[in-house]
Amino acid sequence: GATWFGLWFAERLSRPIGRLAEGAEAVGAGDLDVQIPDPGTGDEIGTLGQAFNRMTRQLKAQRDALLDGHLHTEAQRRLFDSVLSSVTAGVLGLDAEGQIDFLNRSARRLLDMGGAEDAGQPLALVVPEFAALFDRARDSGATVQEEIRLTRKGKMERLLVRIAARDDEDGAREGFVVAFDDVTDL
């Protein structure tokens, strides 16, 4: 009887722990839908199973929220890229130090720039004609505008350049936006 009771007690203890181990492996493999059946013991093992189930539900909800946020952000980025690539004005996005983060198709065309290799480069190096105006915008924090002459492919052009600071919600400088249009014909 004592042996039978010992085996019954060991199985009653090891089965829920085995289920927890299997559930932990499933979560480790990415399955956040796994739930451990309540052993109905009313002890610490039952509490542990309930905590495990609550944890997997919370992880799944957080993962779903992150995925939804990522999809929303990606949709906004595609819209942003679509709008900026279709405007005729050149647009450059700069970080707080003045390095190029983004440039649209019109900026590449108007400045005769290669494209991706210019991202990450300082504005003063890629378009030295804009350097003095950028310094004024950086130092004053105000939007500055000026007509700038530059020569590309042996042809002199006049660009109306506007540089505005971008600040985050807390007012910290995030970067700058440079917008320009060819006003040579005007």
N, C-alpha and C. Protein backbone atom coordinates (compact mmCIF):
# COMPACT_ATOMS: atom_id res chain seq x y z
N GLY A 1 0.81 -1.19 0.00
CA GLY A 1 0.00 0.00 0.00
C GLY A 1 0.86 1.26 0.00
N ALA A 2 1.95 1.20 0.79
CA ALA A 2 2.81 2.37 0.88
C ALA A 2 3.50 2.62 -0.46
N THR A 3 3.90 1.53 -1.15
CA THR A 3 4.53 1.68 -2.46
C THR A 3 3.54 2.26 -3.45
N TRP A 4 2.31 1.72 -3.42
CA TRP A 4 1.28 2.24 -4.32
C TRP A 4 1.01 3.71 -4.05
N PHE A 5 0.91 4.07 -2.79
CA PHE A 5 0.68 5.46 -2.42
C PHE A 5 1.85 6.34 -2.87
N GLY A 6 3.07 5.87 -2.71
CA GLY A 6 4.25 6.62 -3.14
C GLY A 6 4.26 6.85 -4.64
N LEU A 7 3.92 5.82 -5.43
CA LEU A 7 3.87 5.96 -6.89
C LEU A 7 2.77 6.92 -7.31
N TRP A 8 1.61 6.80 -6.66
CA TRP A 8 0.48 7.69 -6.99
C TRP A 8 0.86 9.14 -6.69
N PHE A 9 1.51 9.38 -5.55
CA PHE A 9 1.90 10.73 -5.16
C PHE A 9 2.98 11.28 -6.10
N ALA A 10 3.93 10.44 -6.49
CA ALA A 10 5.00 10.88 -7.39
C ALA A 10 4.42 11.24 -8.76
N GLU A 11 3.47 10.42 -9.23
CA GLU A 11 2.85 10.72 -10.54
C GLU A 11 2.03 12.00 -10.45
N ARG A 12 1.32 12.17 -9.34
CA ARG A 12 0.50 13.37 -9.15
C ARG A 12 1.39 14.62 -9.13
N LEU A 13 2.60 14.53 -8.67
CA LEU A 13 3.53 15.63 -8.60
C LEU A 13 4.28 15.83 -9.92
N SER A 14 4.68 14.72 -10.54
CA SER A 14 5.53 14.84 -11.73
C SER A 14 4.74 15.16 -13.00
N ARG A 15 3.51 14.74 -13.12
CA ARG A 15 2.73 14.99 -14.35
C ARG A 15 2.54 16.50 -14.58
N PRO A 16 2.08 17.28 -13.59
CA PRO A 16 1.95 18.73 -13.83
C PRO A 16 3.29 19.41 -14.10
N ILE A 17 4.35 18.94 -13.45
CA ILE A 17 5.66 19.52 -13.70
C ILE A 17 6.11 19.18 -15.12
N GLY A 18 5.84 17.97 -15.57
CA GLY A 18 6.16 17.58 -16.96
C GLY A 18 5.39 18.43 -17.95
N ARG A 19 4.12 18.72 -17.65
CA ARG A 19 3.32 19.58 -18.54
C ARG A 19 3.91 21.00 -18.59
N LEU A 20 4.35 21.48 -17.43
CA LEU A 20 4.98 22.80 -17.40
C LEU A 20 6.26 22.81 -18.23
N ALA A 21 7.05 21.75 -18.11
CA ALA A 21 8.29 21.67 -18.90
C ALA A 21 7.97 21.64 -20.39
N GLU A 22 6.96 20.86 -20.79
CA GLU A 22 6.57 20.81 -22.20
C GLU A 22 6.06 22.18 -22.67
N GLY A 23 5.27 22.84 -21.82
CA GLY A 23 4.76 24.17 -22.15
C GLY A 23 5.88 25.17 -22.29
N ALA A 24 6.87 25.10 -21.40
CA ALA A 24 8.01 26.01 -21.48
C ALA A 24 8.79 25.79 -22.77
N GLU A 25 8.95 24.54 -23.18
CA GLU A 25 9.63 24.26 -24.46
C GLU A 25 8.83 24.81 -25.63
N ALA A 26 7.50 24.68 -25.58
CA ALA A 26 6.66 25.20 -26.66
C ALA A 26 6.76 26.72 -26.73
N VAL A 27 6.77 27.39 -25.57
CA VAL A 27 6.91 28.85 -25.56
C VAL A 27 8.28 29.24 -26.10
N GLY A 28 9.29 28.48 -25.72
CA GLY A 28 10.64 28.74 -26.23
C GLY A 28 10.71 28.60 -27.74
N ALA A 29 9.87 27.72 -28.31
CA ALA A 29 9.83 27.53 -29.76
C ALA A 29 8.93 28.56 -30.45
N GLY A 30 8.28 29.44 -29.66
CA GLY A 30 7.47 30.50 -30.25
C GLY A 30 5.97 30.30 -30.18
N ASP A 31 5.51 29.20 -29.61
CA ASP A 31 4.08 28.93 -29.50
C ASP A 31 3.53 29.57 -28.23
N LEU A 32 2.89 30.73 -28.36
CA LEU A 32 2.35 31.41 -27.20
C LEU A 32 0.89 31.07 -26.95
N ASP A 33 0.35 30.11 -27.71
CA ASP A 33 -1.03 29.68 -27.50
C ASP A 33 -1.11 28.52 -26.51
N VAL A 34 0.02 28.01 -26.07
CA VAL A 34 0.03 26.85 -25.19
C VAL A 34 -0.54 27.23 -23.82
N GLN A 35 -1.39 26.39 -23.31
CA GLN A 35 -1.97 26.56 -21.98
C GLN A 35 -1.85 25.23 -21.23
N ILE A 36 -1.52 25.30 -19.97
CA ILE A 36 -1.37 24.11 -19.14
C ILE A 36 -2.71 23.82 -18.48
N PRO A 37 -3.22 22.58 -18.60
CA PRO A 37 -4.48 22.27 -17.91
C PRO A 37 -4.31 22.35 -16.40
N ASP A 38 -5.31 22.87 -15.74
CA ASP A 38 -5.26 22.99 -14.28
C ASP A 38 -5.32 21.59 -13.67
N PRO A 39 -4.30 21.22 -12.88
CA PRO A 39 -4.30 19.88 -12.30
C PRO A 39 -5.36 19.71 -11.23
N GLY A 40 -5.94 20.81 -10.77
CA GLY A 40 -7.00 20.72 -9.76
C GLY A 40 -6.50 20.30 -8.40
N THR A 41 -5.24 20.48 -8.16
CA THR A 41 -4.67 20.06 -6.87
C THR A 41 -4.85 21.11 -5.80
N GLY A 42 -4.99 22.39 -6.20
CA GLY A 42 -5.17 23.45 -5.22
C GLY A 42 -3.91 23.78 -4.44
N ASP A 43 -2.78 23.31 -4.90
CA ASP A 43 -1.53 23.59 -4.19
C ASP A 43 -0.63 24.50 -5.03
N GLU A 44 0.65 24.52 -4.67
CA GLU A 44 1.60 25.39 -5.35
C GLU A 44 1.78 25.03 -6.82
N ILE A 45 1.65 23.77 -7.15
CA ILE A 45 1.79 23.35 -8.55
C ILE A 45 0.63 23.90 -9.38
N GLY A 46 -0.56 23.90 -8.82
CA GLY A 46 -1.71 24.49 -9.50
C GLY A 46 -1.53 25.99 -9.69
N THR A 47 -1.02 26.64 -8.66
CA THR A 47 -0.74 28.09 -8.74
C THR A 47 0.32 28.36 -9.80
N LEU A 48 1.33 27.51 -9.85
CA LEU A 48 2.39 27.67 -10.86
C LEU A 48 1.81 27.51 -12.28
N GLY A 49 0.92 26.55 -12.48
CA GLY A 49 0.27 26.36 -13.78
C GLY A 49 -0.57 27.56 -14.17
N GLN A 50 -1.30 28.13 -13.21
CA GLN A 50 -2.12 29.31 -13.49
C GLN A 50 -1.23 30.51 -13.85
N ALA A 51 -0.12 30.65 -13.12
CA ALA A 51 0.82 31.75 -13.42
C ALA A 51 1.42 31.56 -14.81
N PHE A 52 1.75 30.32 -15.18
CA PHE A 52 2.30 30.04 -16.50
C PHE A 52 1.28 30.43 -17.58
N ASN A 53 0.03 30.03 -17.40
CA ASN A 53 -1.01 30.35 -18.38
C ASN A 53 -1.22 31.86 -18.50
N ARG A 54 -1.21 32.55 -17.37
CA ARG A 54 -1.36 34.01 -17.38
C ARG A 54 -0.18 34.65 -18.11
N MET A 55 1.03 34.13 -17.86
CA MET A 55 2.22 34.66 -18.52
C MET A 55 2.13 34.49 -20.04
N THR A 56 1.72 33.32 -20.51
CA THR A 56 1.65 33.10 -21.96
C THR A 56 0.59 33.99 -22.59
N ARG A 57 -0.54 34.20 -21.90
CA ARG A 57 -1.57 35.11 -22.44
C ARG A 57 -1.03 36.53 -22.55
N GLN A 58 -0.31 36.98 -21.51
CA GLN A 58 0.25 38.33 -21.54
C GLN A 58 1.32 38.47 -22.62
N LEU A 59 2.18 37.46 -22.75
CA LEU A 59 3.19 37.50 -23.80
C LEU A 59 2.56 37.55 -25.19
N LYS A 60 1.51 36.77 -25.37
CA LYS A 60 0.83 36.76 -26.67
C LYS A 60 0.20 38.12 -26.95
N ALA A 61 -0.44 38.71 -25.94
CA ALA A 61 -1.07 40.03 -26.13
C ALA A 61 0.00 41.08 -26.45
N GLN A 62 1.14 41.03 -25.76
CA GLN A 62 2.21 41.99 -26.03
C GLN A 62 2.80 41.79 -27.42
N ARG A 63 2.99 40.54 -27.82
CA ARG A 63 3.52 40.27 -29.15
C ARG A 63 2.55 40.76 -30.22
N ASP A 64 1.26 40.50 -30.02
CA ASP A 64 0.26 40.96 -30.99
C ASP A 64 0.24 42.48 -31.08
N ALA A 65 0.37 43.15 -29.93
CA ALA A 65 0.39 44.61 -29.93
C ALA A 65 1.63 45.13 -30.66
N LEU A 66 2.77 44.48 -30.44
CA LEU A 66 3.99 44.88 -31.14
C LEU A 66 3.87 44.68 -32.65
N LEU A 67 3.30 43.55 -33.05
CA LEU A 67 3.12 43.29 -34.48
C LEU A 67 2.17 44.31 -35.10
N ASP A 68 1.08 44.63 -34.40
CA ASP A 68 0.14 45.63 -34.91
C ASP A 68 0.82 46.99 -35.03
N GLY A 69 1.60 47.35 -34.02
CA GLY A 69 2.33 48.61 -34.06
C GLY A 69 3.33 48.65 -35.20
N HIS A 70 4.01 47.53 -35.41
CA HIS A 70 4.98 47.46 -36.51
C HIS A 70 4.28 47.60 -37.86
N LEU A 71 3.14 46.92 -38.03
CA LEU A 71 2.40 47.02 -39.28
C LEU A 71 1.92 48.45 -39.52
N HIS A 72 1.46 49.09 -38.46
CA HIS A 72 1.00 50.48 -38.58
C HIS A 72 2.16 51.40 -38.95
N THR A 73 3.29 51.23 -38.28
CA THR A 73 4.47 52.03 -38.57
C THR A 73 4.95 51.81 -40.00
N GLU A 74 4.94 50.57 -40.43
CA GLU A 74 5.38 50.25 -41.79
C GLU A 74 4.45 50.88 -42.82
N ALA A 75 3.15 50.86 -42.55
CA ALA A 75 2.19 51.49 -43.47
C ALA A 75 2.42 53.00 -43.54
N GLN A 76 2.70 53.62 -42.40
CA GLN A 76 2.98 55.06 -42.39
C GLN A 76 4.27 55.36 -43.14
N ARG A 77 5.28 54.51 -42.97
CA ARG A 77 6.55 54.73 -43.66
C ARG A 77 6.36 54.63 -45.16
N ARG A 78 5.57 53.63 -45.62
CA ARG A 78 5.32 53.50 -47.06
C ARG A 78 4.57 54.72 -47.59
N LEU A 79 3.60 55.22 -46.84
CA LEU A 79 2.87 56.42 -47.25
C LEU A 79 3.82 57.62 -47.30
N PHE A 80 4.64 57.77 -46.29
CA PHE A 80 5.63 58.85 -46.23
C PHE A 80 6.56 58.77 -47.43
N ASP A 81 7.10 57.59 -47.70
CA ASP A 81 8.00 57.42 -48.85
C ASP A 81 7.30 57.71 -50.16
N SER A 82 6.05 57.27 -50.27
CA SER A 82 5.29 57.49 -51.49
C SER A 82 5.05 58.98 -51.73
N VAL A 83 4.66 59.68 -50.69
CA VAL A 83 4.40 61.12 -50.83
C VAL A 83 5.69 61.86 -51.17
N LEU A 84 6.77 61.58 -50.43
CA LEU A 84 8.01 62.30 -50.67
C LEU A 84 8.65 61.96 -52.02
N SER A 85 8.43 60.76 -52.49
CA SER A 85 9.03 60.43 -53.79
C SER A 85 8.25 61.04 -54.94
N SER A 86 7.00 61.45 -54.69
CA SER A 86 6.20 62.00 -55.78
C SER A 86 6.23 63.53 -55.85
N VAL A 87 6.75 64.21 -54.84
CA VAL A 87 6.80 65.67 -54.90
C VAL A 87 7.96 66.12 -55.77
N THR A 88 7.81 67.29 -56.37
CA THR A 88 8.85 67.79 -57.27
C THR A 88 9.96 68.50 -56.52
N ALA A 89 9.70 68.92 -55.31
CA ALA A 89 10.74 69.58 -54.52
C ALA A 89 11.72 68.53 -53.99
N GLY A 90 12.97 68.91 -53.87
CA GLY A 90 13.95 68.04 -53.26
C GLY A 90 13.79 68.09 -51.75
N VAL A 91 13.88 66.95 -51.10
CA VAL A 91 13.74 66.88 -49.64
C VAL A 91 14.87 66.02 -49.09
N LEU A 92 15.58 66.58 -48.11
CA LEU A 92 16.62 65.84 -47.39
C LEU A 92 16.23 65.81 -45.92
N GLY A 93 16.36 64.66 -45.31
CA GLY A 93 16.20 64.54 -43.86
C GLY A 93 17.58 64.43 -43.25
N LEU A 94 17.83 65.23 -42.22
CA LEU A 94 19.13 65.23 -41.55
C LEU A 94 18.95 64.85 -40.09
N ASP A 95 19.97 64.21 -39.51
CA ASP A 95 19.93 63.97 -38.08
C ASP A 95 20.40 65.24 -37.37
N ALA A 96 20.48 65.21 -36.05
CA ALA A 96 20.82 66.40 -35.28
C ALA A 96 22.23 66.91 -35.58
N GLU A 97 23.13 66.02 -36.05
CA GLU A 97 24.50 66.43 -36.36
C GLU A 97 24.65 66.91 -37.80
N GLY A 98 23.59 66.81 -38.60
CA GLY A 98 23.66 67.27 -39.98
C GLY A 98 24.03 66.19 -40.97
N GLN A 99 23.92 64.92 -40.58
CA GLN A 99 24.17 63.84 -41.52
C GLN A 99 22.87 63.45 -42.21
N ILE A 100 22.97 63.08 -43.47
CA ILE A 100 21.79 62.78 -44.28
C ILE A 100 21.18 61.45 -43.86
N ASP A 101 19.90 61.49 -43.48
CA ASP A 101 19.14 60.29 -43.14
C ASP A 101 18.29 59.82 -44.32
N PHE A 102 17.77 60.78 -45.04
CA PHE A 102 16.80 60.48 -46.09
C PHE A 102 16.95 61.48 -47.21
N LEU A 103 16.79 61.04 -48.44
CA LEU A 103 16.71 61.94 -49.58
C LEU A 103 15.72 61.37 -50.58
N ASN A 104 14.88 62.24 -51.12
CA ASN A 104 13.90 61.74 -52.08
C ASN A 104 14.46 61.78 -53.50
N ARG A 105 13.68 61.25 -54.42
CA ARG A 105 14.10 61.14 -55.81
C ARG A 105 14.41 62.51 -56.42
N SER A 106 13.61 63.52 -56.11
CA SER A 106 13.84 64.86 -56.65
C SER A 106 15.14 65.45 -56.13
N ALA A 107 15.48 65.17 -54.88
CA ALA A 107 16.75 65.67 -54.34
C ALA A 107 17.92 65.05 -55.09
N ARG A 108 17.83 63.76 -55.37
CA ARG A 108 18.90 63.10 -56.13
C ARG A 108 19.05 63.72 -57.51
N ARG A 109 17.92 63.99 -58.14
CA ARG A 109 17.94 64.55 -59.49
C ARG A 109 18.46 65.99 -59.48
N LEU A 110 17.93 66.83 -58.60
CA LEU A 110 18.32 68.25 -58.58
C LEU A 110 19.77 68.46 -58.17
N LEU A 111 20.27 67.59 -57.29
CA LEU A 111 21.65 67.74 -56.81
C LEU A 111 22.62 66.80 -57.50
N ASP A 112 22.12 66.03 -58.46
CA ASP A 112 22.93 65.06 -59.18
C ASP A 112 23.68 64.15 -58.20
N MET A 113 22.89 63.55 -57.29
CA MET A 113 23.45 62.69 -56.26
C MET A 113 23.23 61.23 -56.64
N GLY A 114 24.12 60.39 -56.16
CA GLY A 114 24.02 58.96 -56.46
C GLY A 114 22.87 58.27 -55.74
N GLY A 115 22.66 58.60 -54.48
CA GLY A 115 21.56 57.97 -53.77
C GLY A 115 21.97 57.40 -52.44
N ALA A 116 21.90 56.08 -52.31
CA ALA A 116 22.07 55.41 -51.03
C ALA A 116 23.44 55.67 -50.40
N GLU A 117 24.47 55.82 -51.23
CA GLU A 117 25.81 56.03 -50.66
C GLU A 117 25.93 57.40 -49.99
N ASP A 118 25.01 58.32 -50.29
CA ASP A 118 25.06 59.64 -49.67
C ASP A 118 24.39 59.64 -48.29
N ALA A 119 23.56 58.66 -48.01
CA ALA A 119 22.95 58.56 -46.68
C ALA A 119 24.04 58.29 -45.66
N GLY A 120 23.94 58.98 -44.53
CA GLY A 120 24.95 58.84 -43.49
C GLY A 120 26.10 59.81 -43.62
N GLN A 121 26.18 60.50 -44.74
CA GLN A 121 27.25 61.48 -44.97
C GLN A 121 26.80 62.85 -44.44
N PRO A 122 27.74 63.68 -44.01
CA PRO A 122 27.39 65.03 -43.58
C PRO A 122 26.90 65.88 -44.77
N LEU A 123 25.90 66.70 -44.53
CA LEU A 123 25.37 67.57 -45.57
C LEU A 123 26.47 68.46 -46.14
N ALA A 124 27.35 68.98 -45.28
CA ALA A 124 28.41 69.89 -45.73
C ALA A 124 29.37 69.20 -46.69
N LEU A 125 29.50 67.89 -46.60
CA LEU A 125 30.39 67.16 -47.50
C LEU A 125 29.69 66.86 -48.83
N VAL A 126 28.43 66.48 -48.76
CA VAL A 126 27.69 66.09 -49.97
C VAL A 126 27.24 67.31 -50.77
N VAL A 127 26.74 68.33 -50.08
CA VAL A 127 26.28 69.56 -50.74
C VAL A 127 26.91 70.74 -49.99
N PRO A 128 28.17 71.04 -50.28
CA PRO A 128 28.85 72.11 -49.53
C PRO A 128 28.17 73.47 -49.67
N GLU A 129 27.44 73.67 -50.75
CA GLU A 129 26.76 74.96 -50.96
C GLU A 129 25.69 75.21 -49.89
N PHE A 130 25.18 74.15 -49.26
CA PHE A 130 24.14 74.29 -48.23
C PHE A 130 24.74 74.47 -46.83
N ALA A 131 26.05 74.32 -46.67
CA ALA A 131 26.68 74.28 -45.34
C ALA A 131 26.43 75.55 -44.53
N ALA A 132 26.62 76.73 -45.12
CA ALA A 132 26.45 77.98 -44.38
C ALA A 132 25.01 78.15 -43.92
N LEU A 133 24.06 77.82 -44.79
CA LEU A 133 22.65 77.93 -44.42
C LEU A 133 22.31 76.94 -43.31
N PHE A 134 22.86 75.73 -43.40
CA PHE A 134 22.62 74.74 -42.35
C PHE A 134 23.19 75.22 -41.01
N ASP A 135 24.38 75.81 -41.03
CA ASP A 135 24.97 76.32 -39.79
C ASP A 135 24.07 77.37 -39.16
N ARG A 136 23.50 78.25 -39.97
CA ARG A 136 22.57 79.27 -39.45
C ARG A 136 21.34 78.63 -38.84
N ALA A 137 20.79 77.62 -39.50
CA ALA A 137 19.60 76.95 -38.97
C ALA A 137 19.93 76.23 -37.67
N ARG A 138 21.08 75.57 -37.62
CA ARG A 138 21.48 74.83 -36.42
C ARG A 138 21.71 75.78 -35.25
N ASP A 139 22.38 76.89 -35.51
CA ASP A 139 22.71 77.83 -34.43
C ASP A 139 21.49 78.60 -33.93
N SER A 140 20.59 78.98 -34.84
CA SER A 140 19.44 79.79 -34.44
C SER A 140 18.24 78.95 -34.00
N GLY A 141 18.15 77.74 -34.52
CA GLY A 141 16.98 76.91 -34.21
C GLY A 141 15.75 77.34 -34.98
N ALA A 142 15.87 78.39 -35.78
CA ALA A 142 14.74 78.89 -36.56
C ALA A 142 14.79 78.33 -37.98
N THR A 143 13.69 78.46 -38.68
CA THR A 143 13.65 78.07 -40.09
C THR A 143 14.35 79.15 -40.89
N VAL A 144 15.27 78.73 -41.75
CA VAL A 144 16.01 79.69 -42.58
C VAL A 144 15.76 79.35 -44.05
N GLN A 145 15.80 80.40 -44.86
CA GLN A 145 15.56 80.22 -46.30
C GLN A 145 16.48 81.14 -47.07
N GLU A 146 16.98 80.62 -48.18
CA GLU A 146 17.89 81.42 -49.00
C GLU A 146 17.95 80.83 -50.40
N GLU A 147 18.22 81.71 -51.37
CA GLU A 147 18.44 81.24 -52.73
C GLU A 147 19.93 80.95 -52.87
N ILE A 148 20.24 79.76 -53.30
CA ILE A 148 21.64 79.33 -53.39
C ILE A 148 21.95 78.93 -54.82
N ARG A 149 23.12 79.36 -55.28
CA ARG A 149 23.58 78.97 -56.61
C ARG A 149 24.51 77.78 -56.46
N LEU A 150 24.32 76.84 -57.35
CA LEU A 150 25.25 75.71 -57.38
C LEU A 150 25.43 75.24 -58.80
N THR A 151 26.56 74.61 -59.03
CA THR A 151 26.88 74.13 -60.37
C THR A 151 26.94 72.61 -60.34
N ARG A 152 26.16 72.01 -61.23
CA ARG A 152 26.15 70.56 -61.38
C ARG A 152 26.18 70.25 -62.87
N LYS A 153 27.02 69.33 -63.26
CA LYS A 153 27.17 68.92 -64.67
C LYS A 153 27.47 70.12 -65.57
N GLY A 154 28.29 71.06 -65.06
CA GLY A 154 28.69 72.22 -65.84
C GLY A 154 27.58 73.23 -66.02
N LYS A 155 26.49 73.10 -65.33
CA LYS A 155 25.35 74.01 -65.48
C LYS A 155 25.06 74.66 -64.13
N MET A 156 24.93 75.99 -64.13
CA MET A 156 24.62 76.68 -62.89
C MET A 156 23.11 76.73 -62.70
N GLU A 157 22.70 76.41 -61.48
CA GLU A 157 21.28 76.42 -61.14
C GLU A 157 21.09 77.25 -59.88
N ARG A 158 19.87 77.74 -59.74
CA ARG A 158 19.50 78.47 -58.53
C ARG A 158 18.44 77.64 -57.81
N LEU A 159 18.71 77.40 -56.56
CA LEU A 159 17.78 76.63 -55.75
C LEU A 159 17.28 77.50 -54.60
N LEU A 160 15.99 77.47 -54.36
CA LEU A 160 15.43 78.11 -53.19
C LEU A 160 15.43 77.04 -52.10
N VAL A 161 16.26 77.25 -51.08
CA VAL A 161 16.50 76.24 -50.05
C VAL A 161 15.91 76.72 -48.73
N ARG A 162 15.19 75.81 -48.07
CA ARG A 162 14.59 76.10 -46.77
C ARG A 162 15.00 74.98 -45.82
N ILE A 163 15.55 75.36 -44.67
CA ILE A 163 15.98 74.39 -43.66
C ILE A 163 15.22 74.67 -42.37
N ALA A 164 14.54 73.63 -41.87
CA ALA A 164 13.77 73.75 -40.63
C ALA A 164 14.21 72.66 -39.66
N ALA A 165 14.22 73.00 -38.39
CA ALA A 165 14.58 72.04 -37.35
C ALA A 165 13.40 71.11 -37.05
N ARG A 166 13.73 69.87 -36.69
CA ARG A 166 12.72 68.90 -36.23
C ARG A 166 12.99 68.61 -34.77
N ASP A 167 11.99 68.82 -33.93
CA ASP A 167 12.13 68.54 -32.50
C ASP A 167 11.18 67.41 -32.12
N ASP A 168 11.55 66.64 -31.10
CA ASP A 168 10.66 65.58 -30.63
C ASP A 168 9.62 66.17 -29.67
N GLU A 169 8.80 65.31 -29.07
CA GLU A 169 7.72 65.77 -28.19
C GLU A 169 8.24 66.54 -26.99
N ASP A 170 9.46 66.21 -26.55
CA ASP A 170 10.04 66.86 -25.38
C ASP A 170 10.81 68.13 -25.73
N GLY A 171 10.83 68.49 -27.00
CA GLY A 171 11.53 69.70 -27.43
C GLY A 171 13.00 69.50 -27.73
N ALA A 172 13.49 68.26 -27.65
CA ALA A 172 14.90 67.99 -27.96
C ALA A 172 15.08 67.95 -29.47
N ARG A 173 16.21 68.46 -29.94
CA ARG A 173 16.50 68.51 -31.37
C ARG A 173 16.67 67.10 -31.91
N GLU A 174 15.84 66.74 -32.88
CA GLU A 174 15.89 65.42 -33.50
C GLU A 174 16.66 65.46 -34.81
N GLY A 175 16.57 66.57 -35.49
CA GLY A 175 17.23 66.69 -36.78
C GLY A 175 16.72 67.90 -37.53
N PHE A 176 16.88 67.85 -38.86
CA PHE A 176 16.48 68.97 -39.72
C PHE A 176 15.85 68.43 -40.99
N VAL A 177 15.03 69.26 -41.61
CA VAL A 177 14.45 68.96 -42.92
C VAL A 177 14.92 70.06 -43.86
N VAL A 178 15.49 69.63 -44.98
CA VAL A 178 15.94 70.56 -46.01
C VAL A 178 15.05 70.36 -47.22
N ALA A 179 14.35 71.41 -47.62
CA ALA A 179 13.49 71.35 -48.80
C ALA A 179 13.98 72.41 -49.79
N PHE A 180 14.02 72.04 -51.04
CA PHE A 180 14.53 72.99 -52.04
C PHE A 180 13.88 72.73 -53.38
N ASP A 181 13.82 73.81 -54.18
CA ASP A 181 13.22 73.76 -55.50
C ASP A 181 14.12 74.53 -56.47
N ASP A 182 14.13 74.08 -57.70
CA ASP A 182 14.91 74.76 -58.74
C ASP A 182 14.11 75.97 -59.20
N VAL A 183 14.69 77.16 -58.99
CA VAL A 183 14.03 78.40 -59.40
C VAL A 183 14.83 79.12 -60.49
N THR A 184 15.67 78.36 -61.17
CA THR A 184 16.53 78.93 -62.22
C THR A 184 15.67 79.60 -63.30
N ASP A 185 14.66 78.92 -63.78
CA ASP A 185 13.82 79.48 -64.83
C ASP A 185 13.03 80.69 -64.35
N LEU A 186 12.65 80.72 -63.11
CA LEU A 186 11.91 81.86 -62.58
C LEU A 186 12.78 83.09 -62.53
